Amino acid sequence: MAEQVEKLIPSKLGTKEYWDDFYALEQQNFTENSDDEGEVWFADVDAEDNIVEFLIDRTASSETARNNDRPFSQLSTSVIDLGTGNGHLLFRLRSEGGFMGRLCGIDYAESSVAFARQILAKKKDEHQVNDPVNNITFEHIDLFNLPDDMKNEAWDLVLDKGTLDAIALNSEIIRDGMTGVDLFPTVVRDNLVRVGGIILITSCNFTEEELLKLFNVEGIQAWKTIKYPVYEYAGIKGQSISSVAFRRTK
C-alpha cells in the first residue's frame, strides 16, 4: 500500500466543472484564432522540453536495441497521456520524438477532448503532424470510471503532467474510502501500464520524495528522475516541479 503524504487543501482546480469551463474557453479562443493552441502547463520551468528530451534520450535506435535504459521505440511504443488537456505533449512526441506508435490522450473534461481533436485536425490539414494511420486519438474518459474496453490495456508509457496535482485538490471519496490520489497508482498499474512499462509523473504539488511514497505499491519501482534547476531559500534547496519515472515490475 502507498505511504501517506500530507493531504492538499481542496481547491476549485480539483473539480470537473473548473476544467470543463477552462477548456471551453480555450476552445472558443482557438475557434477565433487558430494560432492560439492554449496553455502549456509548467512552461515556465520548461517541463515539457525536459520530458520530451528525457524520452528521446531513452529511445533505442532500433527495436532489437531496446534495453532497460532505453526501453522506448519510435516505431512501436504506445503512449497514453492522462489529463491530456490540449494534447500538446503528444503532438511534440510525434513531431519531435518521432514516436509513431499509438498515442492516446484521455481527459474527463469533454471540452478538453473536443479542443485537442480540433488542434489535431488543424495540424493534419497543415501537415504539421504526421499521422498516416490515424493513431493519434483523444478520448473523453474518467480515469476512475474506465470503460470496460479501456481496462487491462497494456500501454508502454503512461504520462501525467499535472493531472495528479489536480486530482489531489479534490478530497471527494471515490470508492472504498479512498480519494483519487489514493487510488491513482493502483488504477494505473492494474488497468493501463503493461508489465515492464513506464509511468512518468510530473508534479508541482508533490516533491520527488512524496511521489516515491505515493507510488510505493507492489509491482511498481522507481526507475529514473528528471532534474530541474534547483532554487535555494533560507538555506533550503528544492525544485519547483518534480518528474519521476516508475516501472511496472509485475
C-alpha atoms as a PDB file:
ATOM      1  CA  MET A   1       0.000   0.000   0.000  1.00  0.00           C
ATOM      2  CA  ALA A   2       1.210   3.510  -0.828  1.00  0.00           C
ATOM      3  CA  GLU A   3       2.657   5.554   2.003  1.00  0.00           C
ATOM      4  CA  GLN A   4       0.601   8.519   3.154  1.00  0.00           C
ATOM      5  CA  VAL A   5       1.631  12.045   2.217  1.00  0.00           C
ATOM      6  CA  GLU A   6       0.214  15.292   3.501  1.00  0.00           C
ATOM      7  CA  LYS A   7      -3.222  15.976   2.055  1.00  0.00           C
ATOM      8  CA  LEU A   8      -3.599  19.141  -0.013  1.00  0.00           C
ATOM      9  CA  ILE A   9      -6.241  21.749   0.715  1.00  0.00           C
ATOM     10  CA  PRO A  10      -9.208  21.220  -1.652  1.00  0.00           C
ATOM     11  CA  SER A  11      -9.478  23.777  -4.440  1.00  0.00           C
ATOM     12  CA  LYS A  12     -11.711  24.555  -7.419  1.00  0.00           C
ATOM     13  CA  LEU A  13      -8.801  23.312  -9.563  1.00  0.00           C
ATOM     14  CA  GLY A  14      -9.730  19.856  -8.345  1.00  0.00           C
ATOM     15  CA  THR A  15     -13.260  19.996  -9.762  1.00  0.00           C
ATOM     16  CA  LYS A  16     -14.501  18.782 -13.124  1.00  0.00           C
ATOM     17  CA  GLU A  17     -16.584  21.936 -13.515  1.00  0.00           C
ATOM     18  CA  TYR A  18     -13.455  24.090 -13.418  1.00  0.00           C
ATOM     19  CA  TRP A  19     -11.754  22.149 -16.203  1.00  0.00           C
ATOM     20  CA  ASP A  20     -14.927  21.914 -18.291  1.00  0.00           C
ATOM     21  CA  ASP A  21     -15.151  25.709 -18.216  1.00  0.00           C
ATOM     22  CA  PHE A  22     -11.406  26.194 -18.671  1.00  0.00           C
ATOM     23  CA  TYR A  23     -11.179  24.145 -21.847  1.00  0.00           C
ATOM     24  CA  ALA A  24     -14.465  25.506 -23.217  1.00  0.00           C
ATOM     25  CA  LEU A  25     -12.835  28.937 -23.097  1.00  0.00           C
ATOM     26  CA  GLU A  26      -9.606  27.583 -24.616  1.00  0.00           C
ATOM     27  CA  GLN A  27     -11.661  26.030 -27.402  1.00  0.00           C
ATOM     28  CA  GLN A  28     -13.501  29.298 -28.008  1.00  0.00           C
ATOM     29  CA  ASN A  29     -10.192  31.179 -28.199  1.00  0.00           C
ATOM     30  CA  PHE A  30      -8.876  28.630 -30.702  1.00  0.00           C
ATOM     31  CA  THR A  31     -12.005  28.983 -32.840  1.00  0.00           C
ATOM     32  CA  GLU A  32     -11.407  32.733 -33.000  1.00  0.00           C
ATOM     33  CA  ASN A  33      -7.647  32.392 -33.535  1.00  0.00           C
ATOM     34  CA  SER A  34      -6.310  29.024 -34.673  1.00  0.00           C
ATOM     35  CA  ASP A  35      -2.765  30.025 -33.697  1.00  0.00           C
ATOM     36  CA  ASP A  36      -3.875  30.026 -30.058  1.00  0.00           C
ATOM     37  CA  GLU A  37      -3.469  26.385 -29.064  1.00  0.00           C
ATOM     38  CA  GLY A  38      -3.865  27.060 -25.356  1.00  0.00           C
ATOM     39  CA  GLU A  39      -1.918  26.665 -22.154  1.00  0.00           C
ATOM     40  CA  VAL A  40       1.235  24.560 -21.915  1.00  0.00           C
ATOM     41  CA  TRP A  41       1.474  23.551 -18.263  1.00  0.00           C
ATOM     42  CA  PHE A  42       4.741  24.190 -16.408  1.00  0.00           C
ATOM     43  CA  ALA A  43       6.161  26.076 -19.407  1.00  0.00           C
ATOM     44  CA  ASP A  44       7.840  28.497 -17.010  1.00  0.00           C
ATOM     45  CA  VAL A  45      10.274  25.743 -15.985  1.00  0.00           C
ATOM     46  CA  ASP A  46      10.494  24.105 -19.442  1.00  0.00           C
ATOM     47  CA  ALA A  47       8.939  20.914 -18.103  1.00  0.00           C
ATOM     48  CA  GLU A  48       7.650  19.743 -21.469  1.00  0.00           C
ATOM     49  CA  ASP A  49      11.035  20.346 -23.102  1.00  0.00           C
ATOM     50  CA  ASN A  50      12.678  18.269 -20.401  1.00  0.00           C
ATOM     51  CA  ILE A  51      10.103  15.472 -20.668  1.00  0.00           C
ATOM     52  CA  VAL A  52      10.455  15.215 -24.448  1.00  0.00           C
ATOM     53  CA  GLU A  53      14.253  15.270 -24.223  1.00  0.00           C
ATOM     54  CA  PHE A  54      14.192  12.635 -21.471  1.00  0.00           C
ATOM     55  CA  LEU A  55      12.049  10.293 -23.566  1.00  0.00           C
ATOM     56  CA  ILE A  56      14.051  10.821 -26.749  1.00  0.00           C
ATOM     57  CA  ASP A  57      17.277  10.095 -24.855  1.00  0.00           C
ATOM     58  CA  ARG A  58      15.760   6.796 -23.694  1.00  0.00           C
ATOM     59  CA  THR A  59      14.590   5.689 -27.121  1.00  0.00           C
ATOM     60  CA  ALA A  60      16.551   2.841 -28.683  1.00  0.00           C
ATOM     61  CA  SER A  61      17.992   3.127 -32.194  1.00  0.00           C
ATOM     62  CA  SER A  62      16.023   0.045 -33.266  1.00  0.00           C
ATOM     63  CA  GLU A  63      13.511  -2.485 -31.938  1.00  0.00           C
ATOM     64  CA  THR A  64      16.252  -5.015 -31.227  1.00  0.00           C
ATOM     65  CA  ALA A  65      18.378  -2.421 -29.409  1.00  0.00           C
ATOM     66  CA  ARG A  66      15.780  -1.788 -26.695  1.00  0.00           C
ATOM     67  CA  ASN A  67      17.046  -2.441 -23.167  1.00  0.00           C
ATOM     68  CA  ASN A  68      16.437  -1.454 -19.548  1.00  0.00           C
ATOM     69  CA  ASP A  69      17.963   2.003 -20.035  1.00  0.00           C
ATOM     70  CA  ARG A  70      16.405   2.620 -23.469  1.00  0.00           C
ATOM     71  CA  PRO A  71      13.032   0.854 -23.416  1.00  0.00           C
ATOM     72  CA  PHE A  72      11.274   3.018 -25.983  1.00  0.00           C
ATOM     73  CA  SER A  73      10.940   2.583 -29.728  1.00  0.00           C
ATOM     74  CA  GLN A  74       9.973   5.245 -32.260  1.00  0.00           C
ATOM     75  CA  LEU A  75       8.213   2.602 -34.307  1.00  0.00           C
ATOM     76  CA  SER A  76       6.075   0.816 -31.753  1.00  0.00           C
ATOM     77  CA  THR A  77       5.978   2.448 -28.294  1.00  0.00           C
ATOM     78  CA  SER A  78       2.374   3.145 -27.277  1.00  0.00           C
ATOM     79  CA  VAL A  79       1.681   6.188 -25.104  1.00  0.00           C
ATOM     80  CA  ILE A  80      -1.348   7.255 -23.084  1.00  0.00           C
ATOM     81  CA  ASP A  81      -1.462  10.799 -21.677  1.00  0.00           C
ATOM     82  CA  LEU A  82      -3.666  11.220 -18.594  1.00  0.00           C
ATOM     83  CA  GLY A  83      -5.479  14.542 -18.380  1.00  0.00           C
ATOM     84  CA  THR A  84      -4.242  15.435 -21.832  1.00  0.00           C
ATOM     85  CA  GLY A  85      -5.669  18.962 -21.983  1.00  0.00           C
ATOM     86  CA  ASN A  86      -4.860  20.316 -25.441  1.00  0.00           C
ATOM     87  CA  GLY A  87      -2.772  17.265 -26.358  1.00  0.00           C
ATOM     88  CA  HIS A  88       0.356  19.376 -26.784  1.00  0.00           C
ATOM     89  CA  LEU A  89       2.732  16.853 -25.238  1.00  0.00           C
ATOM     90  CA  LEU A  90       1.575  14.070 -27.558  1.00  0.00           C
ATOM     91  CA  PHE A  91       1.934  16.304 -30.607  1.00  0.00           C
ATOM     92  CA  ARG A  92       5.530  17.008 -29.622  1.00  0.00           C
ATOM     93  CA  LEU A  93       6.290  13.335 -29.077  1.00  0.00           C
ATOM     94  CA  ARG A  94       5.125  12.642 -32.621  1.00  0.00           C
ATOM     95  CA  SER A  95       6.703  15.647 -34.355  1.00  0.00           C
ATOM     96  CA  GLU A  96       9.955  15.933 -32.379  1.00  0.00           C
ATOM     97  CA  GLY A  97      10.400  12.490 -30.872  1.00  0.00           C
ATOM     98  CA  GLY A  98       9.249  10.564 -33.913  1.00  0.00           C
ATOM     99  CA  PHE A  99       7.011   8.326 -31.779  1.00  0.00           C
ATOM    100  CA  MET A 100       4.890   6.630 -34.461  1.00  0.00           C
ATOM    101  CA  GLY A 101       3.144   4.083 -32.230  1.00  0.00           C
ATOM    102  CA  ARG A 102      -0.343   4.609 -30.842  1.00  0.00           C
ATOM    103  CA  LEU A 103      -0.718   7.916 -28.973  1.00  0.00           C
ATOM    104  CA  CYS A 104      -3.872   8.470 -26.947  1.00  0.00           C
ATOM    105  CA  GLY A 105      -4.863  11.378 -24.744  1.00  0.00           C
ATOM    106  CA  ILE A 106      -7.694  10.994 -22.245  1.00  0.00           C
ATOM    107  CA  ASP A 107      -9.454  13.642 -20.182  1.00  0.00           C
ATOM    108  CA  TYR A 108     -12.604  13.778 -18.084  1.00  0.00           C
ATOM    109  CA  ALA A 109     -13.364  17.260 -19.432  1.00  0.00           C
ATOM    110  CA  GLU A 110     -15.286  16.788 -22.669  1.00  0.00           C
ATOM    111  CA  SER A 111     -14.298  20.283 -23.808  1.00  0.00           C
ATOM    112  CA  SER A 112     -10.625  19.318 -23.471  1.00  0.00           C
ATOM    113  CA  VAL A 113     -11.081  16.345 -25.780  1.00  0.00           C
ATOM    114  CA  ALA A 114     -13.010  18.399 -28.335  1.00  0.00           C
ATOM    115  CA  PHE A 115     -10.275  21.065 -28.195  1.00  0.00           C
ATOM    116  CA  ALA A 116      -7.445  18.553 -28.679  1.00  0.00           C
ATOM    117  CA  ARG A 117      -9.301  16.964 -31.614  1.00  0.00           C
ATOM    118  CA  GLN A 118      -9.699  20.367 -33.248  1.00  0.00           C
ATOM    119  CA  ILE A 119      -5.991  21.059 -32.900  1.00  0.00           C
ATOM    120  CA  LEU A 120      -5.173  17.623 -34.325  1.00  0.00           C
ATOM    121  CA  ALA A 121      -7.381  18.242 -37.344  1.00  0.00           C
ATOM    122  CA  LYS A 122      -5.703  21.597 -37.963  1.00  0.00           C
ATOM    123  CA  LYS A 123      -2.211  20.152 -37.639  1.00  0.00           C
ATOM    124  CA  LYS A 124      -3.038  17.346 -40.057  1.00  0.00           C
ATOM    125  CA  ASP A 125      -4.567  19.763 -42.557  1.00  0.00           C
ATOM    126  CA  GLU A 126      -1.462  21.949 -42.368  1.00  0.00           C
ATOM    127  CA  HIS A 127       0.920  18.956 -42.422  1.00  0.00           C
ATOM    128  CA  GLN A 128       2.319  19.902 -39.017  1.00  0.00           C
ATOM    129  CA  VAL A 129       1.910  16.389 -37.648  1.00  0.00           C
ATOM    130  CA  ASN A 130       2.494  13.047 -39.345  1.00  0.00           C
ATOM    131  CA  ASP A 131      -0.427  10.696 -38.665  1.00  0.00           C
ATOM    132  CA  PRO A 132      -0.601   8.314 -41.640  1.00  0.00           C
ATOM    133  CA  VAL A 133      -2.562   5.570 -39.880  1.00  0.00           C
ATOM    134  CA  ASN A 134      -4.695   7.866 -37.694  1.00  0.00           C
ATOM    135  CA  ASN A 135      -3.272   6.555 -34.443  1.00  0.00           C
ATOM    136  CA  ILE A 136      -3.264   9.845 -32.544  1.00  0.00           C
ATOM    137  CA  THR A 137      -6.581   9.864 -30.699  1.00  0.00           C
ATOM    138  CA  PHE A 138      -8.285  11.760 -27.901  1.00  0.00           C
ATOM    139  CA  GLU A 139     -10.982  10.166 -25.742  1.00  0.00           C
ATOM    140  CA  HIS A 140     -13.459  11.510 -23.173  1.00  0.00           C
ATOM    141  CA  ILE A 141     -12.692   9.164 -20.281  1.00  0.00           C
ATOM    142  CA  ASP A 142     -12.703   9.415 -16.481  1.00  0.00           C
ATOM    143  CA  LEU A 143      -9.637   7.640 -15.114  1.00  0.00           C
ATOM    144  CA  PHE A 144     -11.622   6.396 -12.109  1.00  0.00           C
ATOM    145  CA  ASN A 145     -14.528   5.133 -14.182  1.00  0.00           C
ATOM    146  CA  LEU A 146     -12.785   3.439 -17.087  1.00  0.00           C
ATOM    147  CA  PRO A 147     -14.964   1.799 -19.747  1.00  0.00           C
ATOM    148  CA  ASP A 148     -14.590  -1.969 -19.973  1.00  0.00           C
ATOM    149  CA  ASP A 149     -12.642  -1.792 -23.235  1.00  0.00           C
ATOM    150  CA  MET A 150     -10.102   0.512 -21.579  1.00  0.00           C
ATOM    151  CA  LYS A 151      -9.405  -1.737 -18.608  1.00  0.00           C
ATOM    152  CA  ASN A 152      -6.445  -4.077 -18.569  1.00  0.00           C
ATOM    153  CA  GLU A 153      -4.802  -2.368 -21.524  1.00  0.00           C
ATOM    154  CA  ALA A 154      -1.054  -2.652 -21.900  1.00  0.00           C
ATOM    155  CA  TRP A 155       0.470   0.736 -22.679  1.00  0.00           C
ATOM    156  CA  ASP A 156       4.243   1.026 -22.911  1.00  0.00           C
ATOM    157  CA  LEU A 157       4.285   4.538 -21.462  1.00  0.00           C
ATOM    158  CA  VAL A 158       1.814   6.364 -19.228  1.00  0.00           C
ATOM    159  CA  LEU A 159       2.283  10.132 -18.959  1.00  0.00           C
ATOM    160  CA  ASP A 160       0.893  12.564 -16.413  1.00  0.00           C
ATOM    161  CA  LYS A 161       1.857  16.229 -16.394  1.00  0.00           C
ATOM    162  CA  GLY A 162      -0.117  17.969 -13.657  1.00  0.00           C
ATOM    163  CA  THR A 163      -3.163  15.707 -13.591  1.00  0.00           C
ATOM    164  CA  LEU A 164      -2.271  14.046 -10.294  1.00  0.00           C
ATOM    165  CA  ASP A 165      -1.872  17.570  -8.914  1.00  0.00           C
ATOM    166  CA  ALA A 166      -5.457  18.433  -9.848  1.00  0.00           C
ATOM    167  CA  ILE A 167      -6.760  15.090  -8.546  1.00  0.00           C
ATOM    168  CA  ALA A 168      -5.065  15.773  -5.219  1.00  0.00           C
ATOM    169  CA  LEU A 169      -7.002  19.028  -4.880  1.00  0.00           C
ATOM    170  CA  ASN A 170     -10.270  17.096  -4.620  1.00  0.00           C
ATOM    171  CA  SER A 171     -10.975  15.408  -1.290  1.00  0.00           C
ATOM    172  CA  GLU A 172     -14.050  13.511  -2.512  1.00  0.00           C
ATOM    173  CA  ILE A 173     -14.145   9.822  -1.620  1.00  0.00           C
ATOM    174  CA  ILE A 174     -14.399   7.832  -4.861  1.00  0.00           C
ATOM    175  CA  ARG A 175     -14.650   4.260  -3.527  1.00  0.00           C
ATOM    176  CA  ASP A 176     -13.502   2.044  -0.680  1.00  0.00           C
ATOM    177  CA  GLY A 177     -12.916   5.093   1.492  1.00  0.00           C
ATOM    178  CA  MET A 178     -10.195   6.338  -0.858  1.00  0.00           C
ATOM    179  CA  THR A 179      -9.725   9.605  -2.721  1.00  0.00           C
ATOM    180  CA  GLY A 180      -8.433   9.920  -6.263  1.00  0.00           C
ATOM    181  CA  VAL A 181      -4.849  10.494  -5.181  1.00  0.00           C
ATOM    182  CA  ASP A 182      -5.023   7.330  -3.049  1.00  0.00           C
ATOM    183  CA  LEU A 183      -6.375   5.250  -5.941  1.00  0.00           C
ATOM    184  CA  PHE A 184      -4.223   6.700  -8.711  1.00  0.00           C
ATOM    185  CA  PRO A 185      -1.138   4.413  -8.519  1.00  0.00           C
ATOM    186  CA  THR A 186      -3.077   1.137  -8.444  1.00  0.00           C
ATOM    187  CA  VAL A 187      -5.598   2.222 -11.095  1.00  0.00           C
ATOM    188  CA  VAL A 188      -2.720   2.987 -13.458  1.00  0.00           C
ATOM    189  CA  ARG A 189      -0.858  -0.192 -12.535  1.00  0.00           C
ATOM    190  CA  ASP A 190      -3.836  -2.520 -12.852  1.00  0.00           C
ATOM    191  CA  ASN A 191      -5.522  -1.028 -15.912  1.00  0.00           C
ATOM    192  CA  LEU A 192      -3.158   0.929 -18.105  1.00  0.00           C
ATOM    193  CA  VAL A 193       0.569   0.185 -17.983  1.00  0.00           C
ATOM    194  CA  ARG A 194       1.961  -3.152 -19.171  1.00  0.00           C
ATOM    195  CA  VAL A 195       4.415  -5.180 -17.122  1.00  0.00           C
ATOM    196  CA  GLY A 196       7.790  -3.622 -17.876  1.00  0.00           C
ATOM    197  CA  GLY A 197       6.139  -0.376 -18.963  1.00  0.00           C
ATOM    198  CA  ILE A 198       6.925   3.096 -17.652  1.00  0.00           C
ATOM    199  CA  ILE A 199       4.814   5.631 -15.724  1.00  0.00           C
ATOM    200  CA  LEU A 200       6.209   9.182 -15.877  1.00  0.00           C
ATOM    201  CA  ILE A 201       4.679  11.600 -13.374  1.00  0.00           C
ATOM    202  CA  THR A 202       5.382  15.341 -13.403  1.00  0.00           C
ATOM    203  CA  SER A 203       4.058  17.342 -10.466  1.00  0.00           C
ATOM    204  CA  CYS A 204       4.196  20.823  -8.979  1.00  0.00           C
ATOM    205  CA  ASN A 205       2.352  19.828  -5.794  1.00  0.00           C
ATOM    206  CA  PHE A 206       4.393  16.796  -4.786  1.00  0.00           C
ATOM    207  CA  THR A 207       8.115  16.593  -4.212  1.00  0.00           C
ATOM    208  CA  GLU A 208      10.201  13.752  -5.576  1.00  0.00           C
ATOM    209  CA  GLU A 209      10.188  12.177  -2.116  1.00  0.00           C
ATOM    210  CA  GLU A 210       6.394  12.417  -1.889  1.00  0.00           C
ATOM    211  CA  LEU A 211       5.926  10.866  -5.340  1.00  0.00           C
ATOM    212  CA  LEU A 212       8.141   7.976  -4.276  1.00  0.00           C
ATOM    213  CA  LYS A 213       5.904   7.476  -1.235  1.00  0.00           C
ATOM    214  CA  LEU A 214       2.684   7.675  -3.254  1.00  0.00           C
ATOM    215  CA  PHE A 215       3.912   5.058  -5.725  1.00  0.00           C
ATOM    216  CA  ASN A 216       5.360   2.753  -3.101  1.00  0.00           C
ATOM    217  CA  VAL A 217       2.952  -0.020  -4.067  1.00  0.00           C
ATOM    218  CA  GLU A 218       3.516  -3.630  -5.032  1.00  0.00           C
ATOM    219  CA  GLY A 219       4.577  -4.056  -8.629  1.00  0.00           C
ATOM    220  CA  ILE A 220       5.893  -0.517  -9.123  1.00  0.00           C
ATOM    221  CA  GLN A 221       9.521   0.524  -8.730  1.00  0.00           C
ATOM    222  CA  ALA A 222      11.207   3.896  -9.169  1.00  0.00           C
ATOM    223  CA  TRP A 223      13.212   3.948 -12.392  1.00  0.00           C
ATOM    224  CA  LYS A 224      14.628   7.409 -13.169  1.00  0.00           C
ATOM    225  CA  THR A 225      14.074  11.105 -12.438  1.00  0.00           C
ATOM    226  CA  ILE A 226      14.277  14.308 -14.433  1.00  0.00           C
ATOM    227  CA  LYS A 227      16.370  17.032 -12.872  1.00  0.00           C
ATOM    228  CA  TYR A 228      15.277  20.663 -12.940  1.00  0.00           C
ATOM    229  CA  PRO A 229      17.023  23.858 -11.790  1.00  0.00           C
ATOM    230  CA  VAL A 230      17.404  23.955  -8.022  1.00  0.00           C
ATOM    231  CA  TYR A 231      16.454  27.031  -6.032  1.00  0.00           C
ATOM    232  CA  GLU A 232      17.586  27.874  -2.517  1.00  0.00           C
ATOM    233  CA  TYR A 233      15.698  29.917   0.047  1.00  0.00           C
ATOM    234  CA  ALA A 234      16.566  30.323   3.722  1.00  0.00           C
ATOM    235  CA  GLY A 235      19.110  27.552   3.399  1.00  0.00           C
ATOM    236  CA  ILE A 236      16.596  25.072   1.954  1.00  0.00           C
ATOM    237  CA  LYS A 237      17.114  23.733  -1.567  1.00  0.00           C
ATOM    238  CA  GLY A 238      14.366  22.437  -3.815  1.00  0.00           C
ATOM    239  CA  GLN A 239      12.788  22.243  -7.273  1.00  0.00           C
ATOM    240  CA  SER A 240       9.562  23.943  -8.309  1.00  0.00           C
ATOM    241  CA  ILE A 241       8.408  20.724 -10.011  1.00  0.00           C
ATOM    242  CA  SER A 242       9.360  17.051  -9.885  1.00  0.00           C
ATOM    243  CA  SER A 243       9.334  14.298 -12.518  1.00  0.00           C
ATOM    244  CA  VAL A 244       9.730  10.671 -11.506  1.00  0.00           C
ATOM    245  CA  ALA A 245       9.552   7.674 -13.828  1.00  0.00           C
ATOM    246  CA  PHE A 246       8.392   4.335 -12.438  1.00  0.00           C
ATOM    247  CA  ARG A 247       8.472   0.879 -13.962  1.00  0.00           C
ATOM    248  CA  ARG A 248       5.769  -1.737 -13.514  1.00  0.00           C
ATOM    249  CA  THR A 249       7.567  -4.896 -12.485  1.00  0.00           C
ATOM    250  CA  LYS A 250       4.673  -7.351 -12.198  1.00  0.00           C
END
